[in-house]
N, C-alpha and C. Protein backbone atom coordinates (compact mmCIF):
# COMPACT_ATOMS: atom_id res chain seq x y z
N MET A 1 -215.54 107.37 12.16
CA MET A 1 -214.77 108.61 12.66
C MET A 1 -215.63 109.81 11.91
N GLN A 2 -215.94 109.86 10.72
CA GLN A 2 -216.56 110.92 10.07
C GLN A 2 -217.98 111.10 10.68
N ARG A 3 -218.51 110.13 10.98
CA ARG A 3 -219.97 110.10 11.51
C ARG A 3 -219.91 110.78 12.98
N PHE A 4 -219.03 110.60 13.67
CA PHE A 4 -218.81 111.10 14.95
C PHE A 4 -218.69 112.54 14.90
N VAL A 5 -217.65 113.10 14.01
CA VAL A 5 -217.41 114.42 13.75
C VAL A 5 -218.67 115.15 13.35
N LEU A 6 -219.46 114.50 12.49
CA LEU A 6 -220.68 115.12 11.89
C LEU A 6 -221.64 115.18 13.02
N LEU A 7 -221.81 114.24 13.85
CA LEU A 7 -222.69 114.31 14.98
C LEU A 7 -222.42 115.34 15.89
N ALA A 8 -221.09 115.43 16.20
CA ALA A 8 -220.69 116.54 17.16
C ALA A 8 -220.94 117.92 16.66
N ALA A 9 -220.61 118.07 15.23
CA ALA A 9 -220.89 119.40 14.62
C ALA A 9 -222.36 119.73 14.66
N ALA A 10 -223.24 118.74 14.32
CA ALA A 10 -224.66 119.06 14.45
C ALA A 10 -225.17 119.33 15.88
N ALA A 11 -224.67 118.70 16.81
CA ALA A 11 -224.93 118.98 18.19
C ALA A 11 -224.64 120.42 18.70
N THR A 12 -223.37 120.75 18.20
CA THR A 12 -222.91 122.15 18.50
C THR A 12 -223.85 123.15 17.88
N VAL A 13 -224.05 123.10 16.70
CA VAL A 13 -225.10 123.98 15.95
C VAL A 13 -226.24 124.06 16.70
N THR A 14 -226.82 122.88 17.12
CA THR A 14 -228.16 122.91 17.78
C THR A 14 -227.94 123.57 19.07
N ALA A 15 -227.03 123.47 19.73
CA ALA A 15 -226.78 124.22 21.08
C ALA A 15 -226.74 125.64 20.81
N PHE A 16 -225.96 126.11 19.98
CA PHE A 16 -225.84 127.60 19.65
C PHE A 16 -227.37 128.13 19.29
N CYS A 17 -227.92 127.46 18.44
CA CYS A 17 -229.34 128.10 17.99
C CYS A 17 -230.34 128.03 19.00
N ALA A 18 -230.29 127.02 20.03
CA ALA A 18 -231.15 127.06 21.11
C ALA A 18 -230.88 128.12 22.09
N SER A 19 -229.52 128.27 22.31
CA SER A 19 -229.18 129.53 23.20
C SER A 19 -229.50 130.93 22.67
N ALA A 20 -229.33 131.07 21.32
CA ALA A 20 -229.70 132.33 20.71
C ALA A 20 -231.20 132.53 20.82
N PHE A 21 -232.01 131.31 20.62
CA PHE A 21 -233.36 131.65 20.66
C PHE A 21 -233.85 131.95 22.11
N ALA A 22 -233.21 131.33 23.03
CA ALA A 22 -233.74 131.53 24.51
C ALA A 22 -233.40 132.99 24.85
N GLN A 23 -232.34 133.55 24.32
CA GLN A 23 -231.83 134.91 24.71
C GLN A 23 -232.96 135.94 24.07
N THR A 24 -233.53 135.68 22.87
CA THR A 24 -234.43 136.68 22.24
C THR A 24 -235.81 136.50 22.68
N ALA A 25 -236.00 135.30 23.29
CA ALA A 25 -237.47 135.04 23.86
C ALA A 25 -237.75 135.55 25.14
N THR A 26 -236.84 136.31 25.83
CA THR A 26 -237.23 136.86 27.32
C THR A 26 -238.05 138.16 26.99
N LYS A 27 -238.83 138.41 28.10
CA LYS A 27 -239.68 139.54 28.00
C LYS A 27 -239.03 140.80 28.73
N ALA A 28 -239.45 141.78 28.06
CA ALA A 28 -238.90 143.06 28.72
C ALA A 28 -239.43 143.22 30.14
N PRO A 29 -238.79 143.97 30.91
CA PRO A 29 -239.32 144.12 32.28
C PRO A 29 -240.54 145.14 32.22
N ALA A 30 -241.46 145.08 33.10
CA ALA A 30 -242.52 146.06 33.09
C ALA A 30 -242.01 147.43 33.61
N PRO A 31 -242.65 148.52 33.05
CA PRO A 31 -242.39 149.79 33.45
C PRO A 31 -242.58 150.04 35.07
N ARG A 32 -241.70 150.76 35.75
CA ARG A 32 -242.04 150.98 37.25
C ARG A 32 -242.89 152.07 37.35
N SER A 33 -243.57 151.97 38.43
CA SER A 33 -244.67 152.99 38.73
C SER A 33 -243.97 154.25 39.42
N ALA A 34 -244.60 155.39 39.47
CA ALA A 34 -244.12 156.57 39.90
C ALA A 34 -243.87 156.33 41.42
N ALA A 35 -244.77 155.63 42.10
CA ALA A 35 -244.65 155.31 43.57
C ALA A 35 -243.46 154.47 43.69
N SER A 36 -243.09 153.47 42.90
CA SER A 36 -241.89 152.71 43.03
C SER A 36 -240.75 153.41 42.86
N ILE A 37 -240.55 154.36 41.98
CA ILE A 37 -239.41 155.12 41.83
C ILE A 37 -239.25 156.13 42.82
N GLU A 38 -240.26 156.65 43.45
CA GLU A 38 -240.26 157.63 44.59
C GLU A 38 -239.79 156.87 45.81
N CYS A 39 -240.30 155.90 45.99
CA CYS A 39 -239.87 154.96 47.40
C CYS A 39 -238.43 154.50 47.14
N SER A 40 -238.00 154.19 45.98
CA SER A 40 -236.74 153.95 45.74
C SER A 40 -235.67 155.10 46.06
N LYS A 41 -236.05 156.21 45.63
CA LYS A 41 -235.25 157.42 45.96
C LYS A 41 -235.23 157.84 47.44
N GLN A 42 -236.43 157.58 48.07
CA GLN A 42 -236.28 157.75 49.54
C GLN A 42 -235.47 156.69 50.17
N ALA A 43 -235.46 155.45 49.80
CA ALA A 43 -234.65 154.39 50.33
C ALA A 43 -233.16 154.81 50.20
N ASP A 44 -232.87 155.24 48.91
CA ASP A 44 -231.46 155.69 48.61
C ASP A 44 -230.99 156.69 49.57
N ALA A 45 -231.88 157.76 49.81
CA ALA A 45 -231.61 158.85 50.63
C ALA A 45 -231.37 158.39 52.08
N LYS A 46 -231.84 157.48 52.48
CA LYS A 46 -231.90 156.91 53.80
C LYS A 46 -230.60 155.84 53.94
N GLY A 47 -230.05 155.51 52.89
CA GLY A 47 -228.97 154.61 52.73
C GLY A 47 -229.32 153.26 53.02
N LEU A 48 -230.64 152.86 52.70
CA LEU A 48 -231.07 151.45 53.10
C LEU A 48 -230.55 150.25 52.08
N HIS A 49 -230.14 149.13 52.50
CA HIS A 49 -229.82 148.06 51.74
C HIS A 49 -230.40 146.73 52.24
N GLY A 50 -230.67 145.77 51.33
CA GLY A 50 -231.13 144.48 51.70
C GLY A 50 -232.55 144.42 52.32
N THR A 51 -232.57 143.63 53.31
CA THR A 51 -234.02 143.48 53.87
C THR A 51 -234.63 144.68 54.34
N ALA A 52 -233.78 145.58 54.98
CA ALA A 52 -234.45 146.74 55.43
C ALA A 52 -234.98 147.61 54.34
N ARG A 53 -234.27 147.65 53.12
CA ARG A 53 -234.67 148.52 52.05
C ARG A 53 -236.05 147.93 51.36
N LYS A 54 -236.03 146.53 51.26
CA LYS A 54 -237.14 145.98 50.79
C LYS A 54 -238.47 146.11 51.75
N SER A 55 -238.20 146.15 52.96
CA SER A 55 -239.38 146.36 53.87
C SER A 55 -239.74 147.74 53.73
N PHE A 56 -239.05 148.75 53.74
CA PHE A 56 -239.28 150.04 53.60
C PHE A 56 -240.08 150.35 52.25
N ARG A 57 -239.42 149.83 51.17
CA ARG A 57 -240.14 150.04 49.89
C ARG A 57 -241.57 149.40 49.85
N SER A 58 -241.70 148.39 50.37
CA SER A 58 -242.96 147.62 50.48
C SER A 58 -243.90 148.57 51.19
N LYS A 59 -243.60 148.89 52.44
CA LYS A 59 -244.38 149.83 53.26
C LYS A 59 -244.80 151.08 52.50
N CYS A 60 -243.71 151.75 51.90
CA CYS A 60 -243.94 153.04 51.25
C CYS A 60 -244.86 152.87 50.13
N LYS A 61 -244.73 151.99 49.32
CA LYS A 61 -245.70 151.77 48.17
C LYS A 61 -247.11 151.44 48.65
N ARG A 62 -247.22 150.74 49.76
CA ARG A 62 -248.60 150.72 50.25
C ARG A 62 -249.20 151.76 50.76
N ASP A 63 -248.38 152.64 51.57
CA ASP A 63 -248.82 153.91 52.05
C ASP A 63 -249.29 154.93 50.80
N GLN A 64 -248.52 154.86 49.78
CA GLN A 64 -248.93 155.67 48.64
C GLN A 64 -250.09 155.29 47.91
N ALA A 65 -250.39 153.98 47.85
CA ALA A 65 -251.55 153.36 47.28
C ALA A 65 -252.85 153.74 48.00
N LYS A 66 -252.71 153.87 49.33
CA LYS A 66 -253.87 154.36 50.02
C LYS A 66 -254.42 155.88 49.83
N PRO A 67 -255.74 156.03 49.68
CA PRO A 67 -256.22 157.24 49.35
C PRO A 67 -256.11 158.08 50.65
N ALA A 68 -255.91 159.36 50.47
CA ALA A 68 -255.62 160.42 51.57
C ALA A 68 -257.00 160.66 52.17
N LYS A 69 -256.93 160.72 53.62
CA LYS A 69 -258.27 160.98 54.32
C LYS A 69 -258.36 162.39 54.33
N THR A 70 -259.52 163.01 54.11
CA THR A 70 -259.79 164.37 54.25
C THR A 70 -260.64 164.72 55.43
């Protein structure tokens, strides 16, 4: 019986340590570009959500990445 309790306690400690390590090992998100932020503001102003928002932001960022024709 003592052996079972000791084994259960060891498993619990291992699980807590593993979950704490996993939480600290995540990477911070990459900073957003100015184009991404501007396109998000435009999508907010238009009230876009879901697939429509994703499509709009994708096209907006592509258009902003293209050099302006003179």
